C-alpha atoms as a PDB file:
ATOM      1  CA  MET A   1       0.000   0.000   0.000  1.00  0.00           C
ATOM      2  CA  LEU A   2       1.366   3.389  -1.034  1.00  0.00           C
ATOM      3  CA  THR A   3       0.829   6.279   1.364  1.00  0.00           C
ATOM      4  CA  MET A   4       1.222   9.838   0.170  1.00  0.00           C
ATOM      5  CA  LEU A   5       2.234  12.619   2.485  1.00  0.00           C
ATOM      6  CA  LEU A   6       0.695  15.917   1.501  1.00  0.00           C
ATOM      7  CA  VAL A   7       2.942  18.853   2.211  1.00  0.00           C
ATOM      8  CA  PRO A   8       1.693  22.402   1.730  1.00  0.00           C
ATOM      9  CA  PRO A   9       3.540  24.154  -1.075  1.00  0.00           C
ATOM     10  CA  VAL A  10       6.182  26.674  -0.095  1.00  0.00           C
ATOM     11  CA  ALA A  11       6.507  29.760  -2.242  1.00  0.00           C
ATOM     12  CA  SER A  12       9.380  29.385  -4.635  1.00  0.00           C
ATOM     13  CA  ALA A  13      12.050  32.014  -5.030  1.00  0.00           C
ATOM     14  CA  GLN A  14      10.255  33.049  -8.238  1.00  0.00           C
ATOM     15  CA  THR A  15       6.989  33.797  -6.422  1.00  0.00           C
ATOM     16  CA  CYS A  16       8.552  35.050  -3.215  1.00  0.00           C
ATOM     17  CA  PRO A  17       9.188  38.814  -3.206  1.00  0.00           C
ATOM     18  CA  ALA A  18      12.862  39.654  -2.757  1.00  0.00           C
ATOM     19  CA  LEU A  19      12.121  41.486   0.488  1.00  0.00           C
ATOM     20  CA  LEU A  20      10.715  38.303   2.063  1.00  0.00           C
ATOM     21  CA  ASN A  21      13.194  35.901   0.504  1.00  0.00           C
ATOM     22  CA  HIS A  22      15.093  35.353   3.765  1.00  0.00           C
ATOM     23  CA  THR A  23      15.214  32.671   6.429  1.00  0.00           C
ATOM     24  CA  PHE A  24      15.521  33.331  10.160  1.00  0.00           C
ATOM     25  CA  PRO A  25      15.493  31.085  13.222  1.00  0.00           C
ATOM     26  CA  ARG A  26      12.184  31.006  15.090  1.00  0.00           C
ATOM     27  CA  LEU A  27      12.343  32.461  18.600  1.00  0.00           C
ATOM     28  CA  GLN A  28      10.870  29.459  20.429  1.00  0.00           C
ATOM     29  CA  ASP A  29      13.172  26.758  19.086  1.00  0.00           C
ATOM     30  CA  ASP A  30      15.664  28.276  16.600  1.00  0.00           C
ATOM     31  CA  LYS A  31      14.026  26.247  13.802  1.00  0.00           C
ATOM     32  CA  PRO A  32      14.741  28.011  10.464  1.00  0.00           C
ATOM     33  CA  GLN A  33      11.674  29.741   9.032  1.00  0.00           C
ATOM     34  CA  SER A  34      11.425  31.118   5.517  1.00  0.00           C
ATOM     35  CA  LEU A  35       9.688  34.480   5.328  1.00  0.00           C
ATOM     36  CA  CYS A  36       8.416  33.371   1.902  1.00  0.00           C
ATOM     37  CA  GLN A  37       5.585  31.659   3.775  1.00  0.00           C
ATOM     38  CA  TYR A  38       4.143  35.170   4.308  1.00  0.00           C
ATOM     39  CA  SER A  39       4.085  36.011   0.583  1.00  0.00           C
ATOM     40  CA  GLY A  40       0.701  37.405  -0.405  1.00  0.00           C
ATOM     41  CA  GLN A  41      -0.027  38.696   3.097  1.00  0.00           C
ATOM     42  CA  VAL A  42       0.068  42.211   4.502  1.00  0.00           C
ATOM     43  CA  VAL A  43       3.026  42.138   6.905  1.00  0.00           C
ATOM     44  CA  LEU A  44       4.022  44.406   9.776  1.00  0.00           C
ATOM     45  CA  VAL A  45       7.680  43.962  10.768  1.00  0.00           C
ATOM     46  CA  VAL A  46       8.613  45.213  14.242  1.00  0.00           C
ATOM     47  CA  ASN A  47      11.883  45.259  16.180  1.00  0.00           C
ATOM     48  CA  THR A  48      11.072  44.505  19.803  1.00  0.00           C
ATOM     49  CA  ALA A  49      12.632  44.603  23.273  1.00  0.00           C
ATOM     50  CA  SER A  50      11.569  43.353  26.697  1.00  0.00           C
ATOM     51  CA  TYR A  51      12.870  46.208  28.867  1.00  0.00           C
ATOM     52  CA  CYS A  52      11.748  49.257  26.898  1.00  0.00           C
ATOM     53  CA  GLY A  53       9.209  51.965  27.639  1.00  0.00           C
ATOM     54  CA  PHE A  54       7.470  50.857  24.430  1.00  0.00           C
ATOM     55  CA  THR A  55       7.308  47.178  25.487  1.00  0.00           C
ATOM     56  CA  PRO A  56       3.571  47.481  26.370  1.00  0.00           C
ATOM     57  CA  GLN A  57       3.021  47.849  22.596  1.00  0.00           C
ATOM     58  CA  TYR A  58       3.113  44.042  22.527  1.00  0.00           C
ATOM     59  CA  GLU A  59      -0.488  44.209  23.755  1.00  0.00           C
ATOM     60  CA  GLY A  60      -1.597  46.375  20.827  1.00  0.00           C
ATOM     61  CA  LEU A  61       0.391  44.291  18.359  1.00  0.00           C
ATOM     62  CA  GLU A  62      -1.325  41.134  19.584  1.00  0.00           C
ATOM     63  CA  LYS A  63      -4.739  42.846  19.247  1.00  0.00           C
ATOM     64  CA  LEU A  64      -3.886  43.827  15.648  1.00  0.00           C
ATOM     65  CA  TYR A  65      -2.812  40.289  14.882  1.00  0.00           C
ATOM     66  CA  ALA A  66      -5.984  38.790  16.359  1.00  0.00           C
ATOM     67  CA  GLN A  67      -8.194  41.299  14.532  1.00  0.00           C
ATOM     68  CA  TYR A  68      -6.710  41.020  11.037  1.00  0.00           C
ATOM     69  CA  ALA A  69      -4.972  37.616  10.785  1.00  0.00           C
ATOM     70  CA  LYS A  70      -7.964  35.910   9.151  1.00  0.00           C
ATOM     71  CA  ARG A  71      -7.912  38.564   6.425  1.00  0.00           C
ATOM     72  CA  GLY A  72      -4.298  37.868   5.413  1.00  0.00           C
ATOM     73  CA  PHE A  73      -2.316  39.973   7.875  1.00  0.00           C
ATOM     74  CA  THR A  74       0.630  38.982  10.027  1.00  0.00           C
ATOM     75  CA  ILE A  75       3.184  40.577  12.305  1.00  0.00           C
ATOM     76  CA  LEU A  76       6.816  39.499  12.375  1.00  0.00           C
ATOM     77  CA  GLY A  77       8.658  40.360  15.584  1.00  0.00           C
ATOM     78  CA  PHE A  78      12.433  40.652  15.741  1.00  0.00           C
ATOM     79  CA  PRO A  79      13.836  41.057  19.267  1.00  0.00           C
ATOM     80  CA  SER A  80      16.994  43.122  19.416  1.00  0.00           C
ATOM     81  CA  GLY A  81      19.331  44.564  22.016  1.00  0.00           C
ATOM     82  CA  ASP A  82      20.535  47.308  19.669  1.00  0.00           C
ATOM     83  CA  PHE A  83      18.957  50.172  21.601  1.00  0.00           C
ATOM     84  CA  GLY A  84      20.197  50.466  25.166  1.00  0.00           C
ATOM     85  CA  ASN A  85      20.627  46.675  25.407  1.00  0.00           C
ATOM     86  CA  GLN A  86      16.959  46.456  26.441  1.00  0.00           C
ATOM     87  CA  GLU A  87      16.435  42.818  25.438  1.00  0.00           C
ATOM     88  CA  LYS A  88      16.881  39.662  27.484  1.00  0.00           C
ATOM     89  CA  ASP A  89      19.963  37.558  26.815  1.00  0.00           C
ATOM     90  CA  SER A  90      18.472  34.262  25.657  1.00  0.00           C
ATOM     91  CA  ASN A  91      15.802  33.460  23.091  1.00  0.00           C
ATOM     92  CA  LYS A  92      14.075  31.200  25.623  1.00  0.00           C
ATOM     93  CA  GLU A  93      13.819  34.080  28.120  1.00  0.00           C
ATOM     94  CA  ILE A  94      12.428  36.369  25.406  1.00  0.00           C
ATOM     95  CA  ALA A  95       9.908  33.755  24.240  1.00  0.00           C
ATOM     96  CA  ASP A  96       8.733  33.085  27.801  1.00  0.00           C
ATOM     97  CA  PHE A  97       8.409  36.814  28.509  1.00  0.00           C
ATOM     98  CA  CYS A  98       6.453  37.538  25.318  1.00  0.00           C
ATOM     99  CA  TYR A  99       4.015  34.684  25.798  1.00  0.00           C
ATOM    100  CA  ASN A 100       3.604  34.811  29.582  1.00  0.00           C
ATOM    101  CA  THR A 101       3.415  38.603  29.906  1.00  0.00           C
ATOM    102  CA  TYR A 102       1.598  39.640  26.723  1.00  0.00           C
ATOM    103  CA  GLY A 103       0.193  36.410  25.258  1.00  0.00           C
ATOM    104  CA  VAL A 104       2.107  36.985  22.010  1.00  0.00           C
ATOM    105  CA  LYS A 105       1.029  34.534  19.325  1.00  0.00           C
ATOM    106  CA  PHE A 106       2.292  36.312  16.203  1.00  0.00           C
ATOM    107  CA  PRO A 107       5.524  34.976  14.682  1.00  0.00           C
ATOM    108  CA  MET A 108       8.658  35.965  16.561  1.00  0.00           C
ATOM    109  CA  PHE A 109      12.215  35.341  15.464  1.00  0.00           C
ATOM    110  CA  ALA A 110      15.500  34.874  17.319  1.00  0.00           C
ATOM    111  CA  LYS A 111      17.262  37.904  18.741  1.00  0.00           C
ATOM    112  CA  SER A 112      19.256  39.707  16.059  1.00  0.00           C
ATOM    113  CA  VAL A 113      20.826  42.995  15.039  1.00  0.00           C
ATOM    114  CA  VAL A 114      18.428  45.407  13.287  1.00  0.00           C
ATOM    115  CA  LYS A 115      20.580  48.476  12.614  1.00  0.00           C
ATOM    116  CA  GLY A 116      23.920  49.332  11.120  1.00  0.00           C
ATOM    117  CA  GLY A 117      26.313  47.270   9.053  1.00  0.00           C
ATOM    118  CA  ASN A 118      25.566  44.052  10.947  1.00  0.00           C
ATOM    119  CA  ALA A 119      21.775  44.320  10.658  1.00  0.00           C
ATOM    120  CA  ASN A 120      19.992  41.133   9.647  1.00  0.00           C
ATOM    121  CA  ALA A 121      19.181  40.844   5.929  1.00  0.00           C
ATOM    122  CA  LEU A 122      15.515  41.854   6.301  1.00  0.00           C
ATOM    123  CA  PHE A 123      16.244  45.009   8.283  1.00  0.00           C
ATOM    124  CA  SER A 124      19.078  45.917   5.901  1.00  0.00           C
ATOM    125  CA  ALA A 125      16.613  45.691   3.013  1.00  0.00           C
ATOM    126  CA  LEU A 126      13.885  47.587   4.895  1.00  0.00           C
ATOM    127  CA  THR A 127      16.342  50.359   5.728  1.00  0.00           C
ATOM    128  CA  LYS A 128      17.533  50.523   2.134  1.00  0.00           C
ATOM    129  CA  ASP A 129      13.987  50.538   0.700  1.00  0.00           C
ATOM    130  CA  THR A 130      12.657  53.235   3.044  1.00  0.00           C
ATOM    131  CA  GLY A 131      15.769  55.250   3.832  1.00  0.00           C
ATOM    132  CA  GLN A 132      14.735  54.870   7.491  1.00  0.00           C
ATOM    133  CA  ALA A 133      16.626  52.633   9.890  1.00  0.00           C
ATOM    134  CA  PRO A 134      14.979  51.911  13.230  1.00  0.00           C
ATOM    135  CA  ARG A 135      15.905  54.668  15.667  1.00  0.00           C
ATOM    136  CA  TRP A 136      14.632  52.748  18.702  1.00  0.00           C
ATOM    137  CA  ASN A 137      12.709  49.630  19.711  1.00  0.00           C
ATOM    138  CA  PHE A 138       9.234  49.029  18.245  1.00  0.00           C
ATOM    139  CA  HIS A 139       9.881  50.689  14.894  1.00  0.00           C
ATOM    140  CA  LYS A 140       7.343  49.310  12.407  1.00  0.00           C
ATOM    141  CA  TYR A 141       7.499  48.632   8.666  1.00  0.00           C
ATOM    142  CA  LEU A 142       4.325  47.866   6.732  1.00  0.00           C
ATOM    143  CA  ILE A 143       4.646  45.602   3.687  1.00  0.00           C
ATOM    144  CA  SER A 144       1.945  45.113   1.040  1.00  0.00           C
ATOM    145  CA  ARG A 145       0.749  41.762  -0.308  1.00  0.00           C
ATOM    146  CA  ASP A 146       3.160  42.103  -3.243  1.00  0.00           C
ATOM    147  CA  GLY A 147       6.168  42.395  -0.918  1.00  0.00           C
ATOM    148  CA  LYS A 148       6.777  46.148  -1.176  1.00  0.00           C
ATOM    149  CA  VAL A 149       7.355  48.390   1.836  1.00  0.00           C
ATOM    150  CA  VAL A 150       4.567  50.974   1.878  1.00  0.00           C
ATOM    151  CA  ALA A 151       5.152  52.734   5.201  1.00  0.00           C
ATOM    152  CA  SER A 152       7.513  53.083   8.120  1.00  0.00           C
ATOM    153  CA  PHE A 153       6.315  54.099  11.584  1.00  0.00           C
ATOM    154  CA  PRO A 154       8.529  55.273  14.452  1.00  0.00           C
ATOM    155  CA  SER A 155       8.321  53.767  17.915  1.00  0.00           C
ATOM    156  CA  GLN A 156       5.980  56.500  19.139  1.00  0.00           C
ATOM    157  CA  VAL A 157       3.188  55.319  16.804  1.00  0.00           C
ATOM    158  CA  ASP A 158       1.053  52.918  18.817  1.00  0.00           C
ATOM    159  CA  PRO A 159       0.018  49.729  16.992  1.00  0.00           C
ATOM    160  CA  LEU A 160      -3.653  50.708  17.331  1.00  0.00           C
ATOM    161  CA  ASP A 161      -3.092  54.264  16.066  1.00  0.00           C
ATOM    162  CA  ARG A 162      -5.469  55.075  13.199  1.00  0.00           C
ATOM    163  CA  LYS A 163      -2.479  56.113  11.025  1.00  0.00           C
ATOM    164  CA  LEU A 164      -1.328  52.500  11.106  1.00  0.00           C
ATOM    165  CA  THR A 165      -4.642  50.619  11.247  1.00  0.00           C
ATOM    166  CA  GLY A 166      -6.032  52.733   8.393  1.00  0.00           C
ATOM    167  CA  GLN A 167      -3.152  51.708   6.137  1.00  0.00           C
ATOM    168  CA  ILE A 168      -3.494  48.048   7.174  1.00  0.00           C
ATOM    169  CA  GLU A 169      -7.215  48.122   6.360  1.00  0.00           C
ATOM    170  CA  ALA A 170      -6.558  49.789   3.009  1.00  0.00           C
ATOM    171  CA  LEU A 171      -3.992  47.129   2.101  1.00  0.00           C
ATOM    172  CA  LEU A 172      -6.309  44.311   3.185  1.00  0.00           C
ATOM    173  CA  GLY A 173      -9.202  45.746   1.154  1.00  0.00           C
ATOM    174  CA  THR A 174     -12.772  44.992   1.992  1.00  0.00           C
ATOM    175  CA  PRO A 175     -13.418  41.856   4.057  1.00  0.00           C
END
């Protein structure tokens, strides 16, 4: 008897926008994750930190994720200690903090550098495409379904601010 294992298709490099054509270790277990799996979705990329005055934004980010995920929206969190070393040392500590304190369920990736010459490949591309590097924790980049950066929001813009949610809704179109 022949048994077939059905595996969901992964976007190929030809269908994956260049901006998302990167792989990063997942925060919880360091398992490599291709960002191509988010092709065709509206994506909000955020650099995060556990010991920052903006850390309570995790709550708003999780609300955004819960509200729009079924419509093709996701958030990708990238913990970083680049700004005042305000992130925990280990990925396990960060994962525990995010889940236990804020109930974070959106995809989070391993701690990495998000600014300067050693920035991870995604943040290097985001900085190049927008001309705006993160100036602090919780900087946000909004990416359209076709993989183009459409907006950049500084840390001071709350995730539930109408400036941000209005653009997300416009990119998602009508339900």
